[in-house]
Amino acid sequence: MVTVEPRAKGSPIPAVGTTAPSIPLNPGRLDLGMRATLVFPNREIVERYYVPLIYTACRTCYSELAPDDIFERAVDGRITPEKQRELIGRVIESGHGSTIEHVVFTFAITGVSRALSHQLVRHRAGVAFDQQSQRYVSYKKGASTMLPATIADADPELRREYEEQVEGALELYSEMLEAGIPGEDARFVFPNATRTNLVMTANLRALIHMSGLRLCTMAQWEIRRLFQLIRHEVFAVSPFLGSFLAPKCVPLGYCDEAANRDEHCPIRPHKDNVLAAWAENAKRGRPAGSEPSAG
């Protein structure tokens, strides 16, 4: 069964043959049928323990107090939440990332394609995954699949051919199961469009790193949408911690994506242009007739 993902009402259909760079449509405008649900921790745990725990890790580096003493002071309010957040913010911005590896977030992820999961599991440090098995789960009633908006909006004949290919593969899978072919072998016919479910646990440092890459407008649309949902879930239990989940250009202050040298994504200037402007300003700031030192 091919699941049609409707294009947002009023959104433009890309012109065929268009090659000029443009910012991809925000995938949040599409109903992709995926979910990312934060199953642990809840807001109470984050507010009562996560922020104090990160604060303890930060403060321990600069204090003569024992870590358990710092933690108790943070939990019982002797150190105000505002003071805790102020230190945590400064430490994260300084790049001292080990302090945020002590807290983890666990998500139930459903309805994403195998194309997405292949990208997702490339993240390894600080992340754990468990995924629905195509070997042990038999999709006797057919498997749901993802239909990209570009194909949904394509020439009707091209879309029809795509749907026939996908549906044919799933029908063949069912026929092989009925013929006694083991599921672990019949699954070889599944397309990348086949949906899957995962459990993902990531520490906050890994989550910030992953979000920096996957929230970028250069990221593939489906995984970009997944991390929009993940950010929303973290933000719901802690607007403070959720605020650190952002495209990498936000904390960097510039874009380092080679595909954005023309700055068609205007969120931040490209680093090449930033460095060129810096060099020009430095040149203008030199006294007339002076040359850089050769030594």
Protein backbone atom coordinates (compact mmCIF):
# COMPACT_ATOMS: atom_id res chain seq x y z
CA MET A 1 0.00 0.00 0.00
CA VAL A 2 1.50 3.31 -1.06
CA THR A 3 0.63 6.04 1.43
CA VAL A 4 0.06 9.33 -0.35
CA GLU A 5 1.58 12.31 1.44
CA PRO A 6 -0.52 15.33 0.42
CA ARG A 7 1.18 18.54 -0.57
CA ALA A 8 0.34 21.44 1.71
CA LYS A 9 -2.54 23.51 0.40
CA GLY A 10 -1.30 26.43 -1.63
CA SER A 11 2.33 25.23 -1.78
CA PRO A 12 3.92 25.61 -5.22
CA ILE A 13 4.66 22.68 -7.51
CA PRO A 14 8.35 22.78 -8.53
CA ALA A 15 8.83 23.42 -12.24
CA VAL A 16 10.11 20.43 -14.19
CA GLY A 17 13.75 20.88 -15.16
CA THR A 18 14.37 23.67 -12.66
CA THR A 19 18.01 23.61 -11.58
CA ALA A 20 18.42 26.94 -9.77
CA PRO A 21 19.21 26.41 -6.06
CA SER A 22 16.34 27.08 -3.72
CA ILE A 23 15.48 26.39 -0.11
CA PRO A 24 13.47 23.15 0.11
CA LEU A 25 9.92 23.54 1.35
CA ASN A 26 9.70 23.16 5.10
CA PRO A 27 8.76 19.48 5.58
CA GLY A 28 6.58 20.57 8.48
CA ARG A 29 4.07 21.73 5.84
CA LEU A 30 3.52 18.10 4.80
CA ASP A 31 1.66 15.36 6.63
CA LEU A 32 4.35 12.68 6.44
CA GLY A 33 2.64 10.25 8.80
CA MET A 34 5.66 9.93 11.09
CA ARG A 35 5.84 10.43 14.85
CA ALA A 36 8.61 11.04 17.37
CA THR A 37 7.41 10.71 20.95
CA LEU A 38 9.62 11.43 23.94
CA VAL A 39 9.02 8.48 26.28
CA PHE A 40 11.67 9.43 28.85
CA PRO A 41 12.15 11.72 30.72
CA ASN A 42 9.05 13.72 31.57
CA ARG A 43 9.01 17.43 32.44
CA GLU A 44 9.17 16.81 36.20
CA ILE A 45 12.34 14.71 35.93
CA VAL A 46 14.00 17.24 33.63
CA GLU A 47 13.21 20.20 35.87
CA ARG A 48 13.99 18.44 39.15
CA TYR A 49 17.05 16.42 38.17
CA TYR A 50 18.39 17.01 34.65
CA VAL A 51 19.26 20.68 34.94
CA PRO A 52 20.77 20.20 38.45
CA LEU A 53 22.75 17.22 37.15
CA ILE A 54 24.21 19.19 34.26
CA TYR A 55 24.89 22.09 36.62
CA THR A 56 26.71 19.69 38.98
CA ALA A 57 28.92 18.47 36.14
CA CYS A 58 29.70 22.07 35.15
CA ARG A 59 30.32 23.37 38.68
CA THR A 60 32.44 20.36 39.74
CA CYS A 61 35.10 21.44 37.25
CA TYR A 62 35.52 24.76 39.08
CA SER A 63 34.62 24.04 42.70
CA GLU A 64 36.26 22.58 45.82
CA LEU A 65 32.87 21.18 46.88
CA ALA A 66 32.10 17.48 46.46
CA PRO A 67 29.83 16.76 43.47
CA ASP A 68 27.09 15.29 45.68
CA ASP A 69 27.06 18.47 47.77
CA ILE A 70 26.68 20.58 44.64
CA PHE A 71 23.87 18.35 43.39
CA GLU A 72 21.97 18.55 46.70
CA ARG A 73 22.26 22.35 46.74
CA ALA A 74 20.95 22.52 43.17
CA VAL A 75 18.05 20.13 43.77
CA ASP A 76 16.85 21.73 47.01
CA GLY A 77 16.93 25.24 45.54
CA ARG A 78 19.86 26.72 47.45
CA ILE A 79 21.27 27.39 43.99
CA THR A 80 18.52 29.07 41.99
CA PRO A 81 17.37 27.59 38.67
CA GLU A 82 18.30 30.87 37.00
CA LYS A 83 21.88 30.61 38.24
CA GLN A 84 22.05 26.98 37.13
CA ARG A 85 20.83 27.79 33.63
CA GLU A 86 23.21 30.75 33.34
CA LEU A 87 26.26 28.56 34.03
CA ILE A 88 25.02 25.73 31.83
CA GLY A 89 24.45 28.12 28.94
CA ARG A 90 27.95 29.56 29.20
CA VAL A 91 29.56 26.12 29.41
CA ILE A 92 27.64 24.74 26.42
CA GLU A 93 28.47 27.80 24.33
CA SER A 94 32.15 27.36 25.25
CA GLY A 95 32.09 23.87 23.74
CA HIS A 96 32.62 21.97 27.02
CA GLY A 97 30.33 19.20 25.81
CA SER A 98 31.17 16.44 28.30
CA THR A 99 28.98 18.17 30.89
CA ILE A 100 25.82 17.42 28.89
CA GLU A 101 26.60 13.76 28.23
CA HIS A 102 25.18 12.85 31.66
CA VAL A 103 21.52 13.21 30.62
CA VAL A 104 19.69 11.17 27.97
CA PHE A 105 16.44 11.37 26.03
CA THR A 106 14.58 8.32 24.70
CA PHE A 107 12.23 8.59 21.72
CA ALA A 108 9.71 6.24 20.15
CA ILE A 109 10.01 6.88 16.41
CA THR A 110 7.33 5.49 14.11
CA GLY A 111 6.41 5.64 10.45
CA VAL A 112 9.78 6.70 9.05
CA SER A 113 11.18 5.18 5.89
CA ARG A 114 14.11 2.81 5.65
CA ALA A 115 15.82 5.56 3.64
CA LEU A 116 15.65 7.72 6.76
CA SER A 117 16.72 4.99 9.19
CA HIS A 118 19.82 4.29 7.11
CA GLN A 119 20.83 7.91 7.63
CA LEU A 120 19.85 7.99 11.29
CA VAL A 121 21.92 5.01 12.42
CA ARG A 122 25.07 6.58 11.00
CA HIS A 123 25.11 8.58 14.21
CA ARG A 124 26.97 6.38 16.70
CA ALA A 125 28.69 8.25 19.53
CA GLY A 126 26.32 8.77 22.44
CA VAL A 127 23.33 7.18 20.68
CA ALA A 128 21.58 3.79 20.99
CA PHE A 129 19.07 2.33 18.52
CA ASP A 130 16.70 -0.60 18.36
CA GLN A 131 14.75 -1.03 15.14
CA GLN A 132 11.78 -3.06 13.97
CA SER A 133 13.17 -6.22 12.36
CA GLN A 134 12.16 -7.13 8.82
CA ARG A 135 13.50 -10.60 9.58
CA TYR A 136 11.23 -11.41 12.51
CA VAL A 137 8.22 -9.22 11.63
CA SER A 138 6.15 -10.54 8.72
CA TYR A 139 4.18 -7.87 6.88
CA LYS A 140 1.39 -10.19 5.80
CA LYS A 141 -1.05 -7.34 5.16
CA GLY A 142 1.46 -5.32 3.20
CA ALA A 143 3.83 -2.65 4.38
CA SER A 144 3.08 1.06 4.54
CA THR A 145 5.44 3.19 2.47
CA MET A 146 6.51 6.82 2.19
CA LEU A 147 5.69 8.81 -0.93
CA PRO A 148 7.95 11.86 -1.46
CA ALA A 149 6.15 15.09 -2.36
CA THR A 150 8.24 15.49 -5.52
CA ILE A 151 6.83 12.19 -6.81
CA ALA A 152 3.31 13.01 -5.60
CA ASP A 153 3.49 16.27 -7.58
CA ALA A 154 5.23 14.75 -10.59
CA ASP A 155 3.70 13.92 -13.96
CA PRO A 156 0.74 11.59 -13.24
CA GLU A 157 2.10 8.87 -15.50
CA LEU A 158 5.48 8.93 -13.73
CA ARG A 159 3.77 8.74 -10.36
CA ARG A 160 1.64 5.84 -11.56
CA GLU A 161 4.74 3.92 -12.65
CA TYR A 162 6.36 4.54 -9.28
CA GLU A 163 3.30 3.33 -7.37
CA GLU A 164 3.07 0.22 -9.54
CA GLN A 165 6.71 -0.62 -8.83
CA VAL A 166 6.30 -0.21 -5.07
CA GLU A 167 3.00 -2.05 -4.87
CA GLY A 168 4.37 -4.80 -7.10
CA ALA A 169 7.32 -5.30 -4.78
CA LEU A 170 5.05 -5.59 -1.75
CA GLU A 171 2.72 -8.01 -3.56
CA LEU A 172 5.69 -10.16 -4.52
CA TYR A 173 6.80 -10.16 -0.88
CA SER A 174 3.40 -11.56 0.17
CA GLU A 175 3.51 -14.17 -2.60
CA MET A 176 6.95 -15.34 -1.48
CA LEU A 177 5.76 -15.71 2.12
CA GLU A 178 2.78 -17.77 0.96
CA ALA A 179 5.15 -19.94 -1.08
CA GLY A 180 7.19 -20.69 2.04
CA ILE A 181 10.09 -18.32 1.41
CA PRO A 182 11.46 -17.22 4.83
CA GLY A 183 10.67 -13.64 5.76
CA GLU A 184 14.39 -12.94 6.13
CA ASP A 185 14.77 -13.65 2.41
CA ALA A 186 11.47 -12.29 1.13
CA ARG A 187 12.32 -8.90 2.68
CA PHE A 188 15.05 -8.41 0.07
CA VAL A 189 12.36 -7.10 -2.28
CA PHE A 190 11.34 -4.25 0.04
CA PRO A 191 12.01 -0.72 -1.31
CA ASN A 192 13.68 2.06 0.69
CA ALA A 193 10.24 3.64 0.93
CA THR A 194 9.10 0.93 3.40
CA ARG A 195 8.23 2.42 6.79
CA THR A 196 9.85 1.27 10.02
CA ASN A 197 9.82 1.94 13.77
CA LEU A 198 12.72 2.60 16.16
CA VAL A 199 13.60 3.37 19.75
CA MET A 200 16.40 5.92 19.99
CA THR A 201 18.23 7.08 23.12
CA ALA A 202 20.73 9.91 22.87
CA ASN A 203 22.62 11.98 25.37
CA LEU A 204 22.13 15.72 25.09
CA ARG A 205 25.51 16.35 23.49
CA ALA A 206 24.78 13.84 20.73
CA LEU A 207 21.28 15.20 20.29
CA ILE A 208 22.57 18.75 19.83
CA HIS A 209 25.14 17.52 17.28
CA MET A 210 22.55 15.49 15.35
CA SER A 211 20.09 18.37 15.35
CA GLY A 212 22.75 20.75 14.09
CA LEU A 213 23.19 18.60 11.00
CA ARG A 214 19.63 17.41 10.44
CA LEU A 215 17.75 20.68 11.07
CA CYS A 216 19.84 22.37 8.38
CA THR A 217 17.88 23.27 5.23
CA MET A 218 20.49 21.25 3.29
CA ALA A 219 19.41 18.06 5.10
CA GLN A 220 17.17 15.50 3.39
CA TRP A 221 13.54 16.54 3.89
CA GLU A 222 12.33 13.47 5.80
CA ILE A 223 15.05 13.38 8.44
CA ARG A 224 14.81 17.16 8.75
CA ARG A 225 11.15 16.74 9.66
CA LEU A 226 12.02 14.02 12.18
CA PHE A 227 14.34 16.37 14.03
CA GLN A 228 11.76 19.13 13.97
CA LEU A 229 9.49 16.70 15.84
CA ILE A 230 12.32 15.70 18.20
CA ARG A 231 13.08 19.33 18.98
CA HIS A 232 9.40 19.95 19.68
CA GLU A 233 9.33 17.03 22.15
CA VAL A 234 12.44 18.20 24.03
CA PHE A 235 11.19 21.78 24.05
CA ALA A 236 7.91 20.60 25.62
CA VAL A 237 9.72 19.22 28.70
CA SER A 238 12.44 21.90 28.81
CA PRO A 239 12.36 25.06 26.67
CA PHE A 240 15.83 25.81 28.05
CA LEU A 241 17.46 22.56 26.88
CA GLY A 242 15.34 22.44 23.73
CA SER A 243 16.68 25.84 22.69
CA PHE A 244 20.11 24.27 22.07
CA LEU A 245 18.67 22.04 19.35
CA ALA A 246 19.15 24.20 16.26
CA PRO A 247 20.80 24.15 12.82
CA LYS A 248 24.57 24.22 13.29
CA CYS A 249 24.81 27.64 11.63
CA VAL A 250 23.00 29.20 14.59
CA PRO A 251 25.72 28.61 17.23
CA LEU A 252 28.50 28.92 14.64
CA GLY A 253 27.23 32.25 13.34
CA TYR A 254 27.96 31.24 9.75
CA CYS A 255 27.11 28.51 7.23
CA ASP A 256 29.81 25.97 6.35
CA GLU A 257 27.80 23.98 3.76
CA ALA A 258 29.60 23.85 0.42
CA ALA A 259 26.24 23.69 -1.38
CA ASN A 260 25.26 27.06 0.08
CA ARG A 261 28.17 29.17 -1.15
CA ASP A 262 25.65 31.19 -3.16
CA GLU A 263 23.73 31.79 0.11
CA HIS A 264 20.38 30.73 -1.32
CA CYS A 265 19.65 29.77 2.30
CA PRO A 266 19.92 33.15 4.06
CA ILE A 267 19.81 32.05 7.70
CA ARG A 268 23.52 32.82 8.17
CA PRO A 269 26.22 34.12 5.77
CA HIS A 270 28.54 31.52 4.27
CA LYS A 271 31.94 31.26 5.93
CA ASP A 272 33.72 32.02 2.64
CA ASN A 273 31.99 35.39 2.50
CA VAL A 274 32.56 35.99 6.22
CA LEU A 275 36.31 35.37 5.82
CA ALA A 276 36.45 37.52 2.69
CA ALA A 277 34.73 40.38 4.50
CA TRP A 278 37.09 39.96 7.46
CA ALA A 279 40.14 40.07 5.16
CA GLU A 280 38.82 43.17 3.41
CA ASN A 281 38.18 44.94 6.71
CA ALA A 282 41.64 43.98 7.96
CA LYS A 283 43.18 45.32 4.76
CA ARG A 284 41.32 48.62 5.10
CA GLY A 285 42.44 48.90 8.71
CA ARG A 286 46.16 48.85 7.88
CA PRO A 287 48.04 52.18 7.72
CA ALA A 288 48.53 53.44 4.17
CA GLY A 289 51.57 51.88 2.49
CA SER A 290 52.11 49.23 5.15
CA GLU A 291 52.63 45.59 4.22
CA PRO A 292 52.08 42.43 6.27
CA SER A 293 55.19 41.23 8.10
CA ALA A 294 57.19 38.54 6.28
CA GLY A 295 58.47 37.08 9.54
